Amino acid sequence: MAEEEPKVHCPCITCSKCGVWIVAIDRVVADQSHETGKMRCPECGERFDFDADRARVYPLRQSVYERGYFYPSEMRDS
């Protein structure tokens, strides 16, 4: 039986333009009212702000976590 790649649980945000999910570690900034962040989509280049409360936590394979983004279809395959 093949050994399964370890999973990393981390918050992710979806790109509003192309729909790819982006790992949001180290991109969240706390201000007085709530946590926000700024990011650039590595797939389409779209720059956008996001609210940290919109992030969803996913268990990602180490290789996907290191890449920094994933497609929704990759979650169905893992």
Protein backbone atom coordinates (compact mmCIF):
# COMPACT_ATOMS: atom_id res chain seq x y z
CA MET A 1 0.00 0.00 0.00
CA ALA A 2 1.39 3.42 -0.98
CA GLU A 3 2.09 5.83 1.83
CA GLU A 4 -0.19 8.87 1.71
CA GLU A 5 1.43 12.30 1.48
CA PRO A 6 1.02 14.26 4.76
CA LYS A 7 -1.66 16.95 4.83
CA VAL A 8 -1.27 20.58 5.92
CA HIS A 9 -4.42 22.34 7.18
CA CYS A 10 -4.39 25.97 6.10
CA PRO A 11 -6.77 28.83 5.27
CA CYS A 12 -7.45 29.45 1.58
CA ILE A 13 -9.23 32.20 -0.39
CA THR A 14 -10.75 31.85 -3.84
CA CYS A 15 -9.75 34.23 -6.63
CA SER A 16 -12.75 36.29 -7.68
CA LYS A 17 -11.62 36.30 -11.33
CA CYS A 18 -10.54 32.73 -12.19
CA GLY A 19 -11.82 30.65 -9.25
CA VAL A 20 -8.49 29.09 -8.23
CA TRP A 21 -8.00 28.63 -4.46
CA ILE A 22 -4.96 30.44 -3.00
CA VAL A 23 -3.18 29.52 0.26
CA ALA A 24 -3.65 32.51 2.59
CA ILE A 25 -0.87 31.85 5.14
CA ASP A 26 1.17 35.00 5.93
CA ARG A 27 -1.19 37.19 3.91
CA VAL A 28 -3.59 38.24 6.69
CA VAL A 29 -3.19 41.60 8.43
CA ALA A 30 -5.09 42.53 11.60
CA ASP A 31 -6.54 46.02 11.85
CA GLN A 32 -8.78 47.47 14.55
CA SER A 33 -12.06 46.12 13.22
CA HIS A 34 -11.20 42.83 11.51
CA GLU A 35 -8.52 40.85 9.71
CA THR A 36 -7.95 41.60 6.05
CA GLY A 37 -5.40 40.68 3.46
CA LYS A 38 -4.13 41.54 0.01
CA MET A 39 -3.06 38.98 -2.51
CA ARG A 40 -2.26 38.40 -6.14
CA CYS A 41 -3.53 35.30 -7.85
CA PRO A 42 -0.57 33.25 -9.10
CA GLU A 43 -2.70 31.85 -11.93
CA CYS A 44 -4.37 34.90 -13.53
CA GLY A 45 -2.50 37.82 -11.87
CA GLU A 46 -5.64 39.43 -10.40
CA ARG A 47 -4.89 41.58 -7.32
CA PHE A 48 -7.58 41.76 -4.67
CA ASP A 49 -8.33 42.45 -1.01
CA PHE A 50 -10.11 39.87 1.12
CA ASP A 51 -11.63 39.48 4.57
CA ALA A 52 -9.98 36.71 6.56
CA ASP A 53 -13.39 35.49 7.75
CA ARG A 54 -14.07 34.38 4.13
CA ALA A 55 -11.16 31.94 4.25
CA ARG A 56 -11.89 28.21 4.32
CA VAL A 57 -9.53 25.72 5.88
CA TYR A 58 -8.52 22.81 3.68
CA PRO A 59 -6.30 19.79 4.33
CA LEU A 60 -3.78 20.15 1.51
CA ARG A 61 -1.09 17.76 0.34
CA GLN A 62 2.37 19.16 1.08
CA SER A 63 3.09 19.61 -2.64
CA VAL A 64 -0.07 21.69 -3.14
CA TYR A 65 0.64 23.77 -0.02
CA GLU A 66 4.16 24.54 -1.27
CA ARG A 67 2.82 25.51 -4.71
CA GLY A 68 0.49 28.02 -3.01
CA TYR A 69 -2.71 27.45 -4.97
CA PHE A 70 -4.99 24.70 -6.24
CA TYR A 71 -7.98 24.06 -8.46
CA PRO A 72 -11.30 22.83 -7.00
CA SER A 73 -10.94 19.61 -9.01
CA GLU A 74 -7.74 18.77 -7.11
CA MET A 75 -9.71 18.61 -3.86
CA ARG A 76 -12.04 15.99 -5.33
CA ASP A 77 -9.02 13.91 -6.40
CA SER A 78 -7.33 13.89 -2.98
